[in-house]
């Protein structure tokens, strides 16, 4: 059992831990993020849905891809880039009301 002074010290420590934990929660809960579409800007951020992915193979060398198309939602993305392979070239895409396409100029 705790002595009177030991119990008092324990309660003070417990109270201090509760204050610090509550303050930490309040601090993290107060963060705000500007209103933008997730994924727009620099950095890896999710938030867009990509569907209906299609590609056009090169007629002479069908192991090469000439173009890729897909649909993006929401359609408001102003800068769209795509990459075929990790650490590969990033291709600038054209977004027309959510219908995105890009042509590949090299294999």
C-alpha atoms as a PDB file:
ATOM      1  CA  UNK A   1       0.000   0.000   0.000  1.00  0.00           C
ATOM      2  CA  UNK A   2       0.966   3.589  -0.481  1.00  0.00           C
ATOM      3  CA  UNK A   3       1.784   5.803   2.451  1.00  0.00           C
ATOM      4  CA  UNK A   4      -0.016   9.147   2.575  1.00  0.00           C
ATOM      5  CA  UNK A   5       2.943  11.000   0.995  1.00  0.00           C
ATOM      6  CA  UNK A   6       3.506   8.207  -1.531  1.00  0.00           C
ATOM      7  CA  UNK A   7      -0.119   8.276  -2.632  1.00  0.00           C
ATOM      8  CA  UNK A   8      -0.032  12.059  -2.895  1.00  0.00           C
ATOM      9  CA  UNK A   9       3.075  11.883  -5.113  1.00  0.00           C
ATOM     10  CA  UNK A  10       1.500   9.166  -7.242  1.00  0.00           C
ATOM     11  CA  UNK A  11      -1.631  11.283  -7.774  1.00  0.00           C
ATOM     12  CA  UNK A  12       0.482  14.333  -8.725  1.00  0.00           C
ATOM     13  CA  UNK A  13       2.419  12.253 -11.263  1.00  0.00           C
ATOM     14  CA  UNK A  14      -0.783  10.804 -12.678  1.00  0.00           C
ATOM     15  CA  UNK A  15      -2.275  14.307 -13.003  1.00  0.00           C
ATOM     16  CA  UNK A  16       0.852  15.585 -14.762  1.00  0.00           C
ATOM     17  CA  UNK A  17       0.730  12.691 -17.247  1.00  0.00           C
ATOM     18  CA  UNK A  18      -2.960  13.379 -17.948  1.00  0.00           C
ATOM     19  CA  UNK A  19      -2.255  17.084 -18.594  1.00  0.00           C
ATOM     20  CA  UNK A  20       0.629  16.315 -20.971  1.00  0.00           C
ATOM     21  CA  UNK A  21      -1.385  13.663 -22.837  1.00  0.00           C
ATOM     22  CA  UNK A  22      -4.396  15.966 -23.139  1.00  0.00           C
ATOM     23  CA  UNK A  23      -2.199  18.855 -24.304  1.00  0.00           C
ATOM     24  CA  UNK A  24      -0.551  16.660 -26.933  1.00  0.00           C
ATOM     25  CA  UNK A  25      -3.953  15.590 -28.266  1.00  0.00           C
ATOM     26  CA  UNK A  26      -5.201  19.183 -28.370  1.00  0.00           C
ATOM     27  CA  UNK A  27      -2.075  20.284 -30.251  1.00  0.00           C
ATOM     28  CA  UNK A  28      -2.370  17.607 -32.940  1.00  0.00           C
ATOM     29  CA  UNK A  29      -6.120  18.081 -33.263  1.00  0.00           C
ATOM     30  CA  UNK A  30      -5.646  21.779 -34.083  1.00  0.00           C
ATOM     31  CA  UNK A  31      -3.610  21.259 -37.266  1.00  0.00           C
ATOM     32  CA  UNK A  32      -5.284  22.640 -40.383  1.00  0.00           C
ATOM     33  CA  UNK A  33      -4.681  21.846 -44.032  1.00  0.00           C
ATOM     34  CA  UNK A  34      -5.439  24.289 -46.864  1.00  0.00           C
ATOM     35  CA  UNK A  35      -8.446  23.433 -49.031  1.00  0.00           C
ATOM     36  CA  UNK A  36      -7.014  21.696 -52.138  1.00  0.00           C
ATOM     37  CA  UNK A  37      -7.436  18.407 -53.926  1.00  0.00           C
ATOM     38  CA  UNK A  38      -5.174  15.817 -52.360  1.00  0.00           C
ATOM     39  CA  UNK A  39      -2.433  14.824 -54.762  1.00  0.00           C
ATOM     40  CA  UNK A  40      -2.128  18.273 -56.318  1.00  0.00           C
ATOM     41  CA  UNK A  41       1.199  19.910 -55.503  1.00  0.00           C
ATOM     42  CA  UNK A  42       4.554  18.490 -54.563  1.00  0.00           C
ATOM     43  CA  UNK A  43       4.929  15.332 -52.546  1.00  0.00           C
ATOM     44  CA  UNK A  44       3.125  12.032 -52.536  1.00  0.00           C
ATOM     45  CA  UNK A  45      -0.472  12.589 -51.482  1.00  0.00           C
ATOM     46  CA  UNK A  46      -3.425  10.397 -52.328  1.00  0.00           C
ATOM     47  CA  UNK A  47      -6.935  11.506 -53.078  1.00  0.00           C
ATOM     48  CA  UNK A  48      -7.606  11.054 -56.774  1.00  0.00           C
ATOM     49  CA  UNK A  49      -9.289   8.017 -58.291  1.00  0.00           C
ATOM     50  CA  UNK A  50      -7.885   6.701 -61.569  1.00  0.00           C
ATOM     51  CA  UNK A  51     -10.033   4.351 -63.661  1.00  0.00           C
ATOM     52  CA  UNK A  52     -10.362   3.091 -67.238  1.00  0.00           C
ATOM     53  CA  UNK A  53      -6.624   2.822 -67.862  1.00  0.00           C
ATOM     54  CA  UNK A  54      -5.847   2.039 -71.498  1.00  0.00           C
ATOM     55  CA  UNK A  55      -2.729   1.970 -73.629  1.00  0.00           C
ATOM     56  CA  UNK A  56      -1.750   1.928 -77.305  1.00  0.00           C
ATOM     57  CA  UNK A  57       1.077  -0.356 -78.401  1.00  0.00           C
ATOM     58  CA  UNK A  58       3.579   0.683 -81.046  1.00  0.00           C
ATOM     59  CA  UNK A  59       2.630  -0.852 -84.432  1.00  0.00           C
ATOM     60  CA  UNK A  60       6.245  -1.643 -85.406  1.00  0.00           C
ATOM     61  CA  UNK A  61       7.461  -2.740 -81.978  1.00  0.00           C
ATOM     62  CA  UNK A  62       4.496  -3.956 -79.930  1.00  0.00           C
ATOM     63  CA  UNK A  63       6.650  -4.301 -76.811  1.00  0.00           C
ATOM     64  CA  UNK A  64       6.740  -0.476 -76.690  1.00  0.00           C
ATOM     65  CA  UNK A  65       3.836   1.680 -75.531  1.00  0.00           C
ATOM     66  CA  UNK A  66       2.961   4.762 -77.625  1.00  0.00           C
ATOM     67  CA  UNK A  67       0.222   6.303 -75.494  1.00  0.00           C
ATOM     68  CA  UNK A  68      -1.710   5.854 -72.270  1.00  0.00           C
ATOM     69  CA  UNK A  69      -5.183   7.113 -71.368  1.00  0.00           C
ATOM     70  CA  UNK A  70      -7.178   7.080 -68.148  1.00  0.00           C
ATOM     71  CA  UNK A  71      -9.992   8.831 -66.343  1.00  0.00           C
ATOM     72  CA  UNK A  72      -9.274  10.849 -63.208  1.00  0.00           C
ATOM     73  CA  UNK A  73     -11.736  11.934 -60.543  1.00  0.00           C
ATOM     74  CA  UNK A  74     -12.167  14.630 -59.397  1.00  0.00           C
ATOM     75  CA  UNK A  75     -11.530  16.088 -62.835  1.00  0.00           C
ATOM     76  CA  UNK A  76     -10.163  19.391 -61.491  1.00  0.00           C
ATOM     77  CA  UNK A  77      -6.478  18.389 -61.462  1.00  0.00           C
ATOM     78  CA  UNK A  78      -4.417  21.121 -63.117  1.00  0.00           C
ATOM     79  CA  UNK A  79      -1.098  19.246 -63.333  1.00  0.00           C
ATOM     80  CA  UNK A  80      -1.174  15.543 -64.159  1.00  0.00           C
ATOM     81  CA  UNK A  81       1.943  13.442 -64.697  1.00  0.00           C
ATOM     82  CA  UNK A  82       2.301   9.694 -65.104  1.00  0.00           C
ATOM     83  CA  UNK A  83       5.150   7.211 -64.871  1.00  0.00           C
ATOM     84  CA  UNK A  84       5.200   3.761 -66.497  1.00  0.00           C
ATOM     85  CA  UNK A  85       7.883   2.203 -64.295  1.00  0.00           C
ATOM     86  CA  UNK A  86       9.396   3.050 -60.930  1.00  0.00           C
ATOM     87  CA  UNK A  87      12.326   5.468 -61.316  1.00  0.00           C
ATOM     88  CA  UNK A  88      11.293   5.942 -64.968  1.00  0.00           C
ATOM     89  CA  UNK A  89      10.471   9.065 -66.939  1.00  0.00           C
ATOM     90  CA  UNK A  90       7.554  11.228 -65.791  1.00  0.00           C
ATOM     91  CA  UNK A  91       5.277  12.203 -68.678  1.00  0.00           C
ATOM     92  CA  UNK A  92       3.177  15.376 -68.660  1.00  0.00           C
ATOM     93  CA  UNK A  93      -0.440  14.537 -69.366  1.00  0.00           C
ATOM     94  CA  UNK A  94      -3.341  16.434 -70.883  1.00  0.00           C
ATOM     95  CA  UNK A  95      -6.442  16.508 -68.671  1.00  0.00           C
ATOM     96  CA  UNK A  96      -9.664  17.331 -70.528  1.00  0.00           C
ATOM     97  CA  UNK A  97     -12.517  17.299 -68.024  1.00  0.00           C
ATOM     98  CA  UNK A  98     -11.144  14.190 -66.299  1.00  0.00           C
ATOM     99  CA  UNK A  99     -10.163  12.323 -69.462  1.00  0.00           C
ATOM    100  CA  UNK A 100      -6.373  12.146 -69.295  1.00  0.00           C
ATOM    101  CA  UNK A 101      -3.938  11.158 -72.051  1.00  0.00           C
ATOM    102  CA  UNK A 102      -0.244  11.300 -72.771  1.00  0.00           C
ATOM    103  CA  UNK A 103       1.910  10.311 -75.700  1.00  0.00           C
ATOM    104  CA  UNK A 104       5.252   8.621 -75.162  1.00  0.00           C
ATOM    105  CA  UNK A 105       7.981   9.858 -77.456  1.00  0.00           C
ATOM    106  CA  UNK A 106      10.647   7.230 -76.685  1.00  0.00           C
ATOM    107  CA  UNK A 107      10.622   3.505 -75.843  1.00  0.00           C
END
